Amino acid sequence: MKYKEPFGVKLDFETGIIENAKKSVRRLSDMKGYFIDEEAWKKMVEEGDPVVYEVYAIEQEEKEGDLNFATTVLYPGKVGNEFFMTKGHYHSKIDRAEVYFALKGKGGMLLQTPEGEARFIEMEPGTIVYVPPYWAHRTINTGDKPFIFLALYPADAGHDYGTIAEKGFSKIVVEENGKVVVKDNPKWRM
């Protein structure tokens, strides 16, 4: 039997960059329809199209039993009063779980069942969040510095971004009177 070779890579805890990782960049223009205030979104895209987040992924072949890991650097900012966030996803194999570990900054994770039952878990360095099977999840930067976290997930989990792009999350995370508030998403479709 030919065994897969073990390996190690360096993670820079200050920047969130994993050496030799595949880098993906999401700009605000990549997130059309994700934020409630469409006019504020359009204006921000026209005035510079900021980077919302970067992902540094070490991915294996998509097969059962293997693991992927990635860091995300989620930048601070708001569209209207809604905090910068990741697109969010279910897993293509919806019965797969995931673990997130906050490394730097301040934020939270919004999780949701297919029926729209939602939870928000605040995250700061050292917080570990378990994402159970069947729950969609997205991270939100509620601070004023980059929010950096590490994710570990089954290599065969896959990402279903389409369901979230079509329906959204049942809740949104906004700033009201200087506080982080989780409220109903007026655009959510069951």
N, C-alpha and C. Protein backbone atom coordinates (compact mmCIF):
# COMPACT_ATOMS: atom_id res chain seq x y z
N MET A 1 0.85 -1.19 0.00
CA MET A 1 0.00 0.00 0.00
C MET A 1 0.89 1.24 0.00
N LYS A 2 0.52 2.21 -0.80
CA LYS A 2 1.24 3.49 -0.86
C LYS A 2 0.53 4.46 0.08
N TYR A 3 1.26 4.96 1.08
CA TYR A 3 0.68 5.87 2.06
C TYR A 3 0.93 7.32 1.64
N LYS A 4 -0.02 8.14 1.99
CA LYS A 4 0.13 9.58 1.75
C LYS A 4 1.23 10.11 2.67
N GLU A 5 2.01 11.02 2.16
CA GLU A 5 3.13 11.58 2.92
C GLU A 5 2.63 12.65 3.90
N PRO A 6 2.99 12.57 5.19
CA PRO A 6 2.64 13.63 6.12
C PRO A 6 3.41 14.91 5.77
N PHE A 7 2.94 16.04 6.22
CA PHE A 7 3.64 17.29 5.96
C PHE A 7 3.32 18.31 7.04
N GLY A 8 4.11 19.35 7.08
CA GLY A 8 3.88 20.46 7.99
C GLY A 8 4.05 21.76 7.23
N VAL A 9 3.29 22.76 7.61
CA VAL A 9 3.41 24.10 7.01
C VAL A 9 3.39 25.12 8.14
N LYS A 10 3.90 26.31 7.85
CA LYS A 10 3.93 27.40 8.83
C LYS A 10 2.72 28.30 8.65
N LEU A 11 2.13 28.70 9.78
CA LEU A 11 1.05 29.68 9.81
C LEU A 11 1.56 30.91 10.54
N ASP A 12 1.48 32.06 9.90
CA ASP A 12 1.86 33.32 10.53
C ASP A 12 0.64 33.84 11.29
N PHE A 13 0.70 33.78 12.62
CA PHE A 13 -0.45 34.16 13.44
C PHE A 13 -0.79 35.65 13.34
N GLU A 14 0.18 36.47 12.97
CA GLU A 14 -0.06 37.91 12.83
C GLU A 14 -0.84 38.24 11.56
N THR A 15 -0.50 37.56 10.46
CA THR A 15 -1.11 37.88 9.16
C THR A 15 -2.19 36.90 8.74
N GLY A 16 -2.18 35.69 9.32
CA GLY A 16 -3.12 34.65 8.92
C GLY A 16 -2.69 33.87 7.69
N ILE A 17 -1.52 34.16 7.15
CA ILE A 17 -1.06 33.51 5.92
C ILE A 17 -0.43 32.15 6.24
N ILE A 18 -0.88 31.12 5.51
CA ILE A 18 -0.28 29.79 5.59
C ILE A 18 0.65 29.65 4.40
N GLU A 19 1.90 29.24 4.65
CA GLU A 19 2.86 29.10 3.55
C GLU A 19 2.38 28.06 2.54
N ASN A 20 2.65 28.33 1.28
CA ASN A 20 2.32 27.44 0.16
C ASN A 20 0.83 27.15 0.01
N ALA A 21 -0.01 27.99 0.57
CA ALA A 21 -1.46 27.79 0.48
C ALA A 21 -2.01 28.42 -0.80
N LYS A 22 -3.16 27.91 -1.22
CA LYS A 22 -3.89 28.51 -2.33
C LYS A 22 -4.64 29.73 -1.79
N LYS A 23 -4.40 30.89 -2.39
CA LYS A 23 -5.01 32.14 -1.91
C LYS A 23 -6.22 32.49 -2.77
N SER A 24 -7.33 32.82 -2.10
CA SER A 24 -8.54 33.34 -2.76
C SER A 24 -8.86 34.70 -2.15
N VAL A 25 -9.29 35.62 -2.99
CA VAL A 25 -9.63 36.97 -2.52
C VAL A 25 -11.08 37.27 -2.89
N ARG A 26 -11.86 37.74 -1.91
CA ARG A 26 -13.24 38.16 -2.16
C ARG A 26 -13.32 39.67 -1.96
N ARG A 27 -13.68 40.34 -3.04
CA ARG A 27 -13.91 41.79 -2.98
C ARG A 27 -15.40 42.02 -2.75
N LEU A 28 -15.73 43.25 -2.41
CA LEU A 28 -17.14 43.58 -2.19
C LEU A 28 -17.97 43.33 -3.44
N SER A 29 -17.39 43.56 -4.62
CA SER A 29 -18.13 43.32 -5.88
C SER A 29 -18.47 41.84 -6.07
N ASP A 30 -17.76 40.94 -5.40
CA ASP A 30 -18.06 39.50 -5.47
C ASP A 30 -19.26 39.13 -4.60
N MET A 31 -19.78 40.10 -3.84
CA MET A 31 -20.83 39.80 -2.86
C MET A 31 -22.12 40.56 -3.15
N LYS A 32 -22.42 40.71 -4.42
CA LYS A 32 -23.68 41.37 -4.82
C LYS A 32 -24.87 40.57 -4.28
N GLY A 33 -25.77 41.27 -3.60
CA GLY A 33 -26.96 40.63 -3.07
C GLY A 33 -26.82 40.07 -1.66
N TYR A 34 -25.63 40.13 -1.10
CA TYR A 34 -25.41 39.57 0.24
C TYR A 34 -25.72 40.56 1.36
N PHE A 35 -25.63 41.85 1.07
CA PHE A 35 -25.86 42.87 2.09
C PHE A 35 -27.23 43.51 1.87
N ILE A 36 -27.86 43.94 2.95
CA ILE A 36 -29.21 44.51 2.90
C ILE A 36 -29.24 45.85 2.18
N ASP A 37 -28.29 46.73 2.50
CA ASP A 37 -28.28 48.09 1.93
C ASP A 37 -27.59 48.07 0.56
N GLU A 38 -28.37 47.84 -0.48
CA GLU A 38 -27.82 47.70 -1.83
C GLU A 38 -27.23 49.00 -2.36
N GLU A 39 -27.78 50.14 -1.97
CA GLU A 39 -27.23 51.43 -2.40
C GLU A 39 -25.85 51.66 -1.79
N ALA A 40 -25.70 51.37 -0.50
CA ALA A 40 -24.40 51.51 0.16
C ALA A 40 -23.39 50.55 -0.46
N TRP A 41 -23.83 49.32 -0.78
CA TRP A 41 -22.95 48.33 -1.43
C TRP A 41 -22.46 48.88 -2.77
N LYS A 42 -23.38 49.37 -3.57
CA LYS A 42 -23.04 49.88 -4.91
C LYS A 42 -22.04 51.04 -4.81
N LYS A 43 -22.28 51.96 -3.89
CA LYS A 43 -21.41 53.12 -3.72
C LYS A 43 -20.00 52.68 -3.31
N MET A 44 -19.91 51.73 -2.38
CA MET A 44 -18.60 51.25 -1.92
C MET A 44 -17.85 50.53 -3.04
N VAL A 45 -18.56 49.78 -3.87
CA VAL A 45 -17.93 49.09 -5.00
C VAL A 45 -17.39 50.13 -5.99
N GLU A 46 -18.19 51.14 -6.29
CA GLU A 46 -17.78 52.18 -7.24
C GLU A 46 -16.62 53.02 -6.71
N GLU A 47 -16.53 53.18 -5.39
CA GLU A 47 -15.50 54.02 -4.78
C GLU A 47 -14.25 53.26 -4.37
N GLY A 48 -14.04 52.06 -4.88
CA GLY A 48 -12.79 51.36 -4.56
C GLY A 48 -12.89 49.85 -4.43
N ASP A 49 -14.10 49.31 -4.30
CA ASP A 49 -14.29 47.86 -4.26
C ASP A 49 -13.32 47.19 -3.28
N PRO A 50 -13.49 47.44 -1.97
CA PRO A 50 -12.52 46.91 -1.00
C PRO A 50 -12.51 45.38 -0.93
N VAL A 51 -11.36 44.86 -0.51
CA VAL A 51 -11.26 43.43 -0.22
C VAL A 51 -12.02 43.19 1.09
N VAL A 52 -12.95 42.24 1.08
CA VAL A 52 -13.70 41.89 2.29
C VAL A 52 -12.96 40.79 3.05
N TYR A 53 -12.50 39.76 2.31
CA TYR A 53 -11.73 38.71 2.98
C TYR A 53 -10.83 37.96 2.02
N GLU A 54 -9.82 37.31 2.62
CA GLU A 54 -8.87 36.46 1.89
C GLU A 54 -8.86 35.10 2.57
N VAL A 55 -8.73 34.04 1.77
CA VAL A 55 -8.66 32.68 2.29
C VAL A 55 -7.34 32.06 1.84
N TYR A 56 -6.67 31.38 2.77
CA TYR A 56 -5.43 30.66 2.48
C TYR A 56 -5.68 29.19 2.80
N ALA A 57 -5.83 28.36 1.76
CA ALA A 57 -6.29 26.98 1.94
C ALA A 57 -5.23 25.95 1.55
N ILE A 58 -5.15 24.92 2.36
CA ILE A 58 -4.38 23.71 2.05
C ILE A 58 -5.42 22.61 1.86
N GLU A 59 -5.62 22.23 0.60
CA GLU A 59 -6.70 21.28 0.29
C GLU A 59 -6.13 19.95 -0.19
N GLN A 60 -6.82 18.90 0.19
CA GLN A 60 -6.46 17.55 -0.21
C GLN A 60 -7.42 17.09 -1.31
N GLU A 61 -7.16 15.91 -1.83
CA GLU A 61 -8.08 15.32 -2.80
C GLU A 61 -9.44 15.15 -2.11
N GLU A 62 -10.52 15.42 -2.86
CA GLU A 62 -11.87 15.33 -2.29
C GLU A 62 -12.27 13.89 -2.07
N LYS A 63 -11.86 13.33 -0.93
CA LYS A 63 -12.26 11.96 -0.64
C LYS A 63 -12.49 11.80 0.86
N GLU A 64 -13.35 10.87 1.19
CA GLU A 64 -13.72 10.61 2.57
C GLU A 64 -12.49 10.23 3.38
N GLY A 65 -12.40 10.76 4.59
CA GLY A 65 -11.33 10.41 5.50
C GLY A 65 -10.19 11.40 5.55
N ASP A 66 -10.12 12.32 4.60
CA ASP A 66 -9.04 13.30 4.59
C ASP A 66 -9.55 14.64 5.12
N LEU A 67 -8.63 15.54 5.43
CA LEU A 67 -8.98 16.85 5.99
C LEU A 67 -8.37 17.98 5.18
N ASN A 68 -9.11 19.07 5.08
CA ASN A 68 -8.61 20.33 4.56
C ASN A 68 -8.49 21.30 5.73
N PHE A 69 -7.64 22.30 5.56
CA PHE A 69 -7.61 23.39 6.54
C PHE A 69 -7.32 24.69 5.82
N ALA A 70 -7.81 25.77 6.41
CA ALA A 70 -7.66 27.09 5.78
C ALA A 70 -7.75 28.17 6.85
N THR A 71 -7.09 29.28 6.57
CA THR A 71 -7.29 30.47 7.38
C THR A 71 -8.07 31.48 6.55
N THR A 72 -8.81 32.32 7.23
CA THR A 72 -9.49 33.44 6.59
C THR A 72 -9.09 34.70 7.32
N VAL A 73 -8.78 35.73 6.54
CA VAL A 73 -8.53 37.07 7.07
C VAL A 73 -9.72 37.91 6.63
N LEU A 74 -10.60 38.20 7.58
CA LEU A 74 -11.83 38.95 7.31
C LEU A 74 -11.62 40.39 7.80
N TYR A 75 -11.63 41.31 6.85
CA TYR A 75 -11.28 42.70 7.16
C TYR A 75 -12.43 43.42 7.84
N PRO A 76 -12.11 44.47 8.63
CA PRO A 76 -13.16 45.26 9.27
C PRO A 76 -13.85 46.15 8.25
N GLY A 77 -15.10 46.41 8.48
CA GLY A 77 -15.85 47.31 7.62
C GLY A 77 -17.34 47.04 7.74
N LYS A 78 -18.12 47.93 7.16
CA LYS A 78 -19.57 47.78 7.16
C LYS A 78 -20.12 48.25 5.83
N VAL A 79 -21.20 47.63 5.41
CA VAL A 79 -22.01 48.10 4.29
C VAL A 79 -23.29 48.62 4.93
N GLY A 80 -23.47 49.94 4.92
CA GLY A 80 -24.52 50.52 5.74
C GLY A 80 -24.14 50.28 7.19
N ASN A 81 -25.01 49.62 7.94
CA ASN A 81 -24.67 49.29 9.33
C ASN A 81 -24.41 47.78 9.51
N GLU A 82 -24.33 47.05 8.39
CA GLU A 82 -24.11 45.60 8.42
C GLU A 82 -22.62 45.29 8.31
N PHE A 83 -22.11 44.52 9.26
CA PHE A 83 -20.69 44.20 9.32
C PHE A 83 -20.23 43.38 8.12
N PHE A 84 -18.96 43.57 7.72
CA PHE A 84 -18.34 42.70 6.71
C PHE A 84 -18.44 41.25 7.18
N MET A 85 -18.67 40.36 6.23
CA MET A 85 -18.88 38.94 6.54
C MET A 85 -18.39 38.10 5.37
N THR A 86 -18.28 36.81 5.61
CA THR A 86 -18.01 35.87 4.52
C THR A 86 -19.33 35.54 3.83
N LYS A 87 -19.25 34.98 2.63
CA LYS A 87 -20.48 34.62 1.91
C LYS A 87 -21.32 33.63 2.71
N GLY A 88 -20.68 32.69 3.34
CA GLY A 88 -21.39 31.66 4.09
C GLY A 88 -21.80 30.52 3.19
N HIS A 89 -21.93 29.35 3.79
CA HIS A 89 -22.25 28.16 2.99
C HIS A 89 -22.79 27.03 3.86
N TYR A 90 -23.50 26.13 3.19
CA TYR A 90 -23.73 24.78 3.71
C TYR A 90 -22.61 23.93 3.12
N HIS A 91 -22.45 22.73 3.60
CA HIS A 91 -21.56 21.80 2.93
C HIS A 91 -22.34 21.05 1.86
N SER A 92 -21.70 20.79 0.73
CA SER A 92 -22.35 20.03 -0.35
C SER A 92 -22.78 18.66 0.18
N LYS A 93 -21.92 18.04 0.97
CA LYS A 93 -22.32 16.86 1.73
C LYS A 93 -22.76 17.41 3.08
N ILE A 94 -24.05 17.65 3.20
CA ILE A 94 -24.59 18.44 4.32
C ILE A 94 -24.39 17.78 5.68
N ASP A 95 -24.06 16.49 5.69
CA ASP A 95 -23.85 15.80 6.97
C ASP A 95 -22.40 15.91 7.47
N ARG A 96 -21.63 16.84 6.92
CA ARG A 96 -20.24 17.04 7.36
C ARG A 96 -20.16 18.22 8.34
N ALA A 97 -19.34 18.05 9.37
CA ALA A 97 -19.13 19.08 10.39
C ALA A 97 -17.86 19.87 10.07
N GLU A 98 -17.61 20.90 10.88
CA GLU A 98 -16.42 21.73 10.70
C GLU A 98 -16.05 22.34 12.05
N VAL A 99 -14.78 22.70 12.21
CA VAL A 99 -14.32 23.36 13.43
C VAL A 99 -13.60 24.64 13.04
N TYR A 100 -13.92 25.73 13.73
CA TYR A 100 -13.26 27.03 13.53
C TYR A 100 -12.53 27.41 14.81
N PHE A 101 -11.36 28.02 14.65
CA PHE A 101 -10.55 28.45 15.78
C PHE A 101 -10.13 29.90 15.55
N ALA A 102 -10.60 30.81 16.42
CA ALA A 102 -10.27 32.23 16.28
C ALA A 102 -8.83 32.48 16.72
N LEU A 103 -8.08 33.17 15.86
CA LEU A 103 -6.67 33.44 16.13
C LEU A 103 -6.40 34.89 16.52
N LYS A 104 -7.11 35.82 15.89
CA LYS A 104 -6.82 37.25 16.10
C LYS A 104 -8.06 38.07 15.74
N GLY A 105 -8.25 39.17 16.46
CA GLY A 105 -9.37 40.05 16.16
C GLY A 105 -10.64 39.64 16.89
N LYS A 106 -11.74 40.21 16.43
CA LYS A 106 -13.02 40.02 17.11
C LYS A 106 -14.11 39.83 16.07
N GLY A 107 -14.97 38.88 16.32
CA GLY A 107 -16.07 38.64 15.39
C GLY A 107 -17.04 37.64 15.94
N GLY A 108 -17.65 36.91 15.02
CA GLY A 108 -18.61 35.91 15.44
C GLY A 108 -18.99 35.02 14.28
N MET A 109 -19.71 33.96 14.62
CA MET A 109 -20.20 33.05 13.60
C MET A 109 -21.71 32.99 13.67
N LEU A 110 -22.33 33.18 12.51
CA LEU A 110 -23.77 33.04 12.36
C LEU A 110 -24.01 31.66 11.76
N LEU A 111 -24.82 30.86 12.43
CA LEU A 111 -25.14 29.51 11.97
C LEU A 111 -26.64 29.38 11.78
N GLN A 112 -27.04 28.51 10.86
CA GLN A 112 -28.46 28.39 10.55
C GLN A 112 -28.79 26.99 10.03
N THR A 113 -29.91 26.45 10.49
CA THR A 113 -30.43 25.19 9.95
C THR A 113 -31.13 25.46 8.62
N PRO A 114 -31.42 24.42 7.84
CA PRO A 114 -32.15 24.64 6.58
C PRO A 114 -33.52 25.30 6.79
N GLU A 115 -34.11 25.15 7.98
CA GLU A 115 -35.41 25.77 8.26
C GLU A 115 -35.29 27.22 8.74
N GLY A 116 -34.07 27.70 8.93
CA GLY A 116 -33.87 29.09 9.32
C GLY A 116 -33.65 29.34 10.79
N GLU A 117 -33.57 28.28 11.60
CA GLU A 117 -33.26 28.45 13.02
C GLU A 117 -31.80 28.90 13.12
N ALA A 118 -31.55 30.02 13.77
CA ALA A 118 -30.21 30.62 13.74
C ALA A 118 -29.60 30.77 15.13
N ARG A 119 -28.27 30.77 15.14
CA ARG A 119 -27.48 31.03 16.35
C ARG A 119 -26.34 31.97 15.97
N PHE A 120 -25.95 32.83 16.92
CA PHE A 120 -24.77 33.67 16.74
C PHE A 120 -23.83 33.40 17.90
N ILE A 121 -22.59 33.03 17.59
CA ILE A 121 -21.59 32.75 18.61
C ILE A 121 -20.46 33.77 18.47
N GLU A 122 -20.24 34.54 19.54
CA GLU A 122 -19.16 35.53 19.52
C GLU A 122 -17.82 34.81 19.55
N MET A 123 -16.83 35.40 18.85
CA MET A 123 -15.50 34.80 18.76
C MET A 123 -14.43 35.84 19.03
N GLU A 124 -13.42 35.42 19.78
CA GLU A 124 -12.21 36.21 20.03
C GLU A 124 -11.07 35.21 20.06
N PRO A 125 -9.81 35.66 20.09
CA PRO A 125 -8.70 34.71 20.06
C PRO A 125 -8.86 33.62 21.12
N GLY A 126 -8.75 32.38 20.68
CA GLY A 126 -8.90 31.23 21.57
C GLY A 126 -10.27 30.57 21.52
N THR A 127 -11.25 31.22 20.91
CA THR A 127 -12.59 30.62 20.80
C THR A 127 -12.58 29.55 19.72
N ILE A 128 -13.11 28.38 20.07
CA ILE A 128 -13.28 27.29 19.12
C ILE A 128 -14.78 27.10 18.91
N VAL A 129 -15.21 27.09 17.66
CA VAL A 129 -16.62 26.89 17.34
C VAL A 129 -16.78 25.58 16.58
N TYR A 130 -17.68 24.73 17.08
CA TYR A 130 -18.03 23.49 16.41
C TYR A 130 -19.27 23.77 15.55
N VAL A 131 -19.15 23.50 14.26
CA VAL A 131 -20.28 23.64 13.33
C VAL A 131 -20.83 22.23 13.08
N PRO A 132 -22.01 21.92 13.61
CA PRO A 132 -22.55 20.57 13.42
C PRO A 132 -22.96 20.31 11.97
N PRO A 133 -23.13 19.04 11.60
CA PRO A 133 -23.69 18.74 10.28
C PRO A 133 -25.02 19.47 10.10
N TYR A 134 -25.34 19.81 8.87
CA TYR A 134 -26.62 20.41 8.45
C TYR A 134 -26.74 21.91 8.74
N TRP A 135 -25.76 22.53 9.36
CA TRP A 135 -25.84 23.95 9.67
C TRP A 135 -25.03 24.77 8.67
N ALA A 136 -25.68 25.77 8.05
CA ALA A 136 -24.95 26.77 7.26
C ALA A 136 -24.17 27.64 8.24
N HIS A 137 -23.11 28.26 7.75
CA HIS A 137 -22.30 29.08 8.65
C HIS A 137 -21.58 30.17 7.86
N ARG A 138 -21.47 31.31 8.52
CA ARG A 138 -20.71 32.45 7.98
C ARG A 138 -20.07 33.17 9.16
N THR A 139 -18.93 33.80 8.90
CA THR A 139 -18.25 34.55 9.94
C THR A 139 -18.42 36.04 9.67
N ILE A 140 -18.39 36.80 10.75
CA ILE A 140 -18.63 38.24 10.69
C ILE A 140 -17.56 38.94 11.52
N ASN A 141 -16.97 40.01 10.96
CA ASN A 141 -15.99 40.81 11.70
C ASN A 141 -16.74 41.94 12.39
N THR A 142 -16.83 41.87 13.72
CA THR A 142 -17.53 42.91 14.49
C THR A 142 -16.55 43.89 15.14
N GLY A 143 -15.28 43.77 14.80
CA GLY A 143 -14.26 44.64 15.40
C GLY A 143 -13.73 45.66 14.42
N ASP A 144 -12.62 46.29 14.80
CA ASP A 144 -12.02 47.33 13.95
C ASP A 144 -10.64 46.92 13.42
N LYS A 145 -10.30 45.64 13.58
CA LYS A 145 -9.04 45.08 13.05
C LYS A 145 -9.39 43.80 12.30
N PRO A 146 -8.46 43.29 11.49
CA PRO A 146 -8.75 42.03 10.80
C PRO A 146 -9.10 40.91 11.79
N PHE A 147 -10.11 40.13 11.44
CA PHE A 147 -10.54 38.97 12.21
C PHE A 147 -9.98 37.74 11.49
N ILE A 148 -9.10 37.00 12.17
CA ILE A 148 -8.40 35.88 11.54
C ILE A 148 -8.78 34.59 12.26
N PHE A 149 -9.13 33.57 11.49
CA PHE A 149 -9.49 32.28 12.08
C PHE A 149 -9.03 31.14 11.18
N LEU A 150 -8.91 29.97 11.80
CA LEU A 150 -8.51 28.74 11.14
C LEU A 150 -9.72 27.81 11.10
N ALA A 151 -9.94 27.15 9.96
CA ALA A 151 -11.03 26.18 9.82
C ALA A 151 -10.46 24.82 9.44
N LEU A 152 -11.02 23.77 10.01
CA LEU A 152 -10.66 22.38 9.69
C LEU A 152 -11.94 21.67 9.29
N TYR A 153 -11.91 20.99 8.13
CA TYR A 153 -13.13 20.37 7.62
C TYR A 153 -12.81 19.17 6.75
N PRO A 154 -13.75 18.22 6.64
CA PRO A 154 -13.51 17.04 5.81
C PRO A 154 -13.26 17.43 4.36
N ALA A 155 -12.29 16.76 3.74
CA ALA A 155 -11.91 17.09 2.36
C ALA A 155 -13.05 16.86 1.38
N ASP A 156 -13.99 15.98 1.73
CA ASP A 156 -15.10 15.70 0.82
C ASP A 156 -16.36 16.50 1.15
N ALA A 157 -16.26 17.47 2.08
CA ALA A 157 -17.45 18.23 2.50
C ALA A 157 -18.03 19.07 1.36
N GLY A 158 -17.17 19.71 0.59
CA GLY A 158 -17.64 20.59 -0.47
C GLY A 158 -18.29 21.84 0.10
N HIS A 159 -18.56 22.81 -0.77
CA HIS A 159 -19.18 24.07 -0.36
C HIS A 159 -20.40 24.34 -1.22
N ASP A 160 -21.54 24.53 -0.57
CA ASP A 160 -22.77 24.92 -1.26
C ASP A 160 -23.01 26.40 -0.97
N TYR A 161 -22.49 27.25 -1.86
CA TYR A 161 -22.71 28.70 -1.72
C TYR A 161 -24.04 29.11 -2.35
N GLY A 162 -24.53 28.30 -3.28
CA GLY A 162 -25.72 28.66 -4.05
C GLY A 162 -26.96 28.85 -3.21
N THR A 163 -27.18 27.98 -2.23
CA THR A 163 -28.37 28.09 -1.39
C THR A 163 -28.38 29.41 -0.64
N ILE A 164 -27.22 29.82 -0.11
CA ILE A 164 -27.14 31.09 0.62
C ILE A 164 -27.28 32.26 -0.35
N ALA A 165 -26.67 32.18 -1.52
CA ALA A 165 -26.79 33.26 -2.51
C ALA A 165 -28.26 33.47 -2.88
N GLU A 166 -29.01 32.38 -2.96
CA GLU A 166 -30.42 32.45 -3.36
C GLU A 166 -31.33 32.89 -2.22
N LYS A 167 -31.13 32.32 -1.03
CA LYS A 167 -32.07 32.53 0.08
C LYS A 167 -31.55 33.46 1.17
N GLY A 168 -30.23 33.55 1.32
CA GLY A 168 -29.65 34.33 2.40
C GLY A 168 -29.72 33.60 3.73
N PHE A 169 -29.36 34.31 4.79
CA PHE A 169 -29.51 33.81 6.16
C PHE A 169 -30.76 34.45 6.76
N SER A 170 -31.36 33.81 7.74
CA SER A 170 -32.58 34.34 8.36
C SER A 170 -32.27 35.54 9.26
N LYS A 171 -31.01 35.71 9.65
CA LYS A 171 -30.60 36.82 10.52
C LYS A 171 -29.47 37.60 9.86
N ILE A 172 -29.33 38.85 10.28
CA ILE A 172 -28.20 39.69 9.88
C ILE A 172 -27.55 40.23 11.15
N VAL A 173 -26.29 40.64 11.03
CA VAL A 173 -25.55 41.17 12.18
C VAL A 173 -25.16 42.61 11.84
N VAL A 174 -25.65 43.54 12.65
CA VAL A 174 -25.48 44.97 12.37
C VAL A 174 -24.98 45.69 13.62
N GLU A 175 -24.56 46.94 13.40
CA GLU A 175 -24.22 47.81 14.53
C GLU A 175 -25.36 48.79 14.73
N GLU A 176 -25.86 48.84 15.96
CA GLU A 176 -26.90 49.81 16.32
C GLU A 176 -26.51 50.45 17.65
N ASN A 177 -26.40 51.76 17.67
CA ASN A 177 -26.02 52.50 18.88
C ASN A 177 -24.73 51.96 19.49
N GLY A 178 -23.76 51.63 18.63
CA GLY A 178 -22.46 51.16 19.10
C GLY A 178 -22.43 49.72 19.57
N LYS A 179 -23.53 48.99 19.42
CA LYS A 179 -23.60 47.60 19.87
C LYS A 179 -23.80 46.66 18.69
N VAL A 180 -23.33 45.41 18.86
CA VAL A 180 -23.55 44.36 17.87
C VAL A 180 -24.94 43.79 18.11
N VAL A 181 -25.77 43.83 17.06
CA VAL A 181 -27.16 43.38 17.17
C VAL A 181 -27.44 42.34 16.09
N VAL A 182 -28.07 41.24 16.50
CA VAL A 182 -28.52 40.21 15.56
C VAL A 182 -30.01 40.41 15.38
N LYS A 183 -30.43 40.59 14.12
CA LYS A 183 -31.85 40.84 13.87
C LYS A 183 -32.33 40.08 12.64
N ASP A 184 -33.65 40.02 12.48
CA ASP A 184 -34.24 39.32 11.34
C ASP A 184 -33.79 39.94 10.03
N ASN A 185 -33.53 39.09 9.05
CA ASN A 185 -33.17 39.53 7.70
C ASN A 185 -34.46 39.74 6.91
N PRO A 186 -34.76 40.99 6.52
CA PRO A 186 -36.01 41.24 5.80
C PRO A 186 -36.03 40.61 4.41
N LYS A 187 -34.88 40.19 3.89
CA LYS A 187 -34.81 39.59 2.55
C LYS A 187 -34.76 38.07 2.56
N TRP A 188 -34.78 37.47 3.75
CA TRP A 188 -34.62 36.01 3.82
C TRP A 188 -35.80 35.30 3.19
N ARG A 189 -35.47 34.27 2.41
CA ARG A 189 -36.49 33.45 1.76
C ARG A 189 -36.33 32.02 2.25
N MET A 190 -37.38 31.46 2.83
CA MET A 190 -37.38 30.07 3.35
C MET A 190 -37.19 29.09 2.21
